[in-house]
């Protein structure tokens, strides 16, 4: 999998991220509880982020 981020406001060149996935038939896919930190212009819910990190 490859991800390209082209954001000339924040980066001087395109950022490329990649990952290889390896087949592991005995691995278990677990649910991931996502949280919303709000929209770009709003203040993030820092308390919710702290609770999420403590749960790890």
C-alpha atoms as a PDB file:
ATOM      1  CA  UNK A   1       0.000   0.000   0.000  1.00  0.00           C
ATOM      2  CA  UNK A   2       1.295   3.468  -0.825  1.00  0.00           C
ATOM      3  CA  UNK A   3      -0.034   6.878   0.206  1.00  0.00           C
ATOM      4  CA  UNK A   4       1.059  10.116  -1.415  1.00  0.00           C
ATOM      5  CA  UNK A   5       0.439  13.451   0.324  1.00  0.00           C
ATOM      6  CA  UNK A   6       0.720  16.480  -1.934  1.00  0.00           C
ATOM      7  CA  UNK A   7       0.307  19.507   0.331  1.00  0.00           C
ATOM      8  CA  UNK A   8       2.427  22.466  -0.842  1.00  0.00           C
ATOM      9  CA  UNK A   9       1.196  24.653   2.040  1.00  0.00           C
ATOM     10  CA  UNK A  10       2.739  22.390   4.703  1.00  0.00           C
ATOM     11  CA  UNK A  11       5.431  20.398   2.816  1.00  0.00           C
ATOM     12  CA  UNK A  12       8.168  21.345   0.374  1.00  0.00           C
ATOM     13  CA  UNK A  13       7.702  18.141  -1.630  1.00  0.00           C
ATOM     14  CA  UNK A  14       5.243  15.276  -1.971  1.00  0.00           C
ATOM     15  CA  UNK A  15       5.375  12.892   0.999  1.00  0.00           C
ATOM     16  CA  UNK A  16       5.252   9.169   0.213  1.00  0.00           C
ATOM     17  CA  UNK A  17       4.304   6.626   2.864  1.00  0.00           C
ATOM     18  CA  UNK A  18       4.238   2.902   2.214  1.00  0.00           C
ATOM     19  CA  UNK A  19       3.615  -0.395   3.912  1.00  0.00           C
ATOM     20  CA  UNK A  20       3.816  -4.012   2.881  1.00  0.00           C
ATOM     21  CA  UNK A  21       1.135  -6.305   4.244  1.00  0.00           C
ATOM     22  CA  UNK A  22       2.052  -9.923   4.909  1.00  0.00           C
ATOM     23  CA  UNK A  23      -0.556 -12.681   4.783  1.00  0.00           C
ATOM     24  CA  UNK A  24      -1.010 -14.154   8.262  1.00  0.00           C
ATOM     25  CA  UNK A  25      -3.986 -16.553   8.210  1.00  0.00           C
ATOM     26  CA  UNK A  26      -3.852 -17.164  11.977  1.00  0.00           C
ATOM     27  CA  UNK A  27      -3.975 -13.467  12.917  1.00  0.00           C
ATOM     28  CA  UNK A  28      -7.189 -11.982  14.271  1.00  0.00           C
ATOM     29  CA  UNK A  29      -8.612  -8.666  13.083  1.00  0.00           C
ATOM     30  CA  UNK A  30      -9.769  -6.711  16.112  1.00  0.00           C
ATOM     31  CA  UNK A  31     -12.129  -3.741  16.199  1.00  0.00           C
ATOM     32  CA  UNK A  32     -10.578  -0.295  16.556  1.00  0.00           C
ATOM     33  CA  UNK A  33     -12.457   2.359  18.472  1.00  0.00           C
ATOM     34  CA  UNK A  34     -11.916   5.615  16.595  1.00  0.00           C
ATOM     35  CA  UNK A  35     -12.516   9.027  18.098  1.00  0.00           C
ATOM     36  CA  UNK A  36     -13.182  12.334  16.419  1.00  0.00           C
ATOM     37  CA  UNK A  37     -11.014  15.288  17.336  1.00  0.00           C
ATOM     38  CA  UNK A  38     -13.396  17.588  15.493  1.00  0.00           C
ATOM     39  CA  UNK A  39     -13.027  19.497  12.271  1.00  0.00           C
ATOM     40  CA  UNK A  40      -9.829  21.234  11.241  1.00  0.00           C
ATOM     41  CA  UNK A  41     -11.045  24.626  12.435  1.00  0.00           C
ATOM     42  CA  UNK A  42     -12.490  23.489  15.764  1.00  0.00           C
ATOM     43  CA  UNK A  43     -10.792  22.899  19.088  1.00  0.00           C
ATOM     44  CA  UNK A  44      -9.910  19.196  19.619  1.00  0.00           C
ATOM     45  CA  UNK A  45     -11.471  17.325  22.524  1.00  0.00           C
ATOM     46  CA  UNK A  46      -8.257  16.883  24.514  1.00  0.00           C
ATOM     47  CA  UNK A  47     -10.069  15.128  27.371  1.00  0.00           C
ATOM     48  CA  UNK A  48     -11.341  12.461  24.970  1.00  0.00           C
ATOM     49  CA  UNK A  49      -7.868  12.041  23.519  1.00  0.00           C
ATOM     50  CA  UNK A  50      -6.402  11.639  27.028  1.00  0.00           C
ATOM     51  CA  UNK A  51      -9.030   8.991  27.902  1.00  0.00           C
ATOM     52  CA  UNK A  52      -8.213   7.107  24.696  1.00  0.00           C
ATOM     53  CA  UNK A  53      -4.472   7.140  25.420  1.00  0.00           C
ATOM     54  CA  UNK A  54      -4.999   5.990  29.015  1.00  0.00           C
ATOM     55  CA  UNK A  55      -7.057   3.039  27.733  1.00  0.00           C
ATOM     56  CA  UNK A  56      -4.062   1.841  25.714  1.00  0.00           C
END
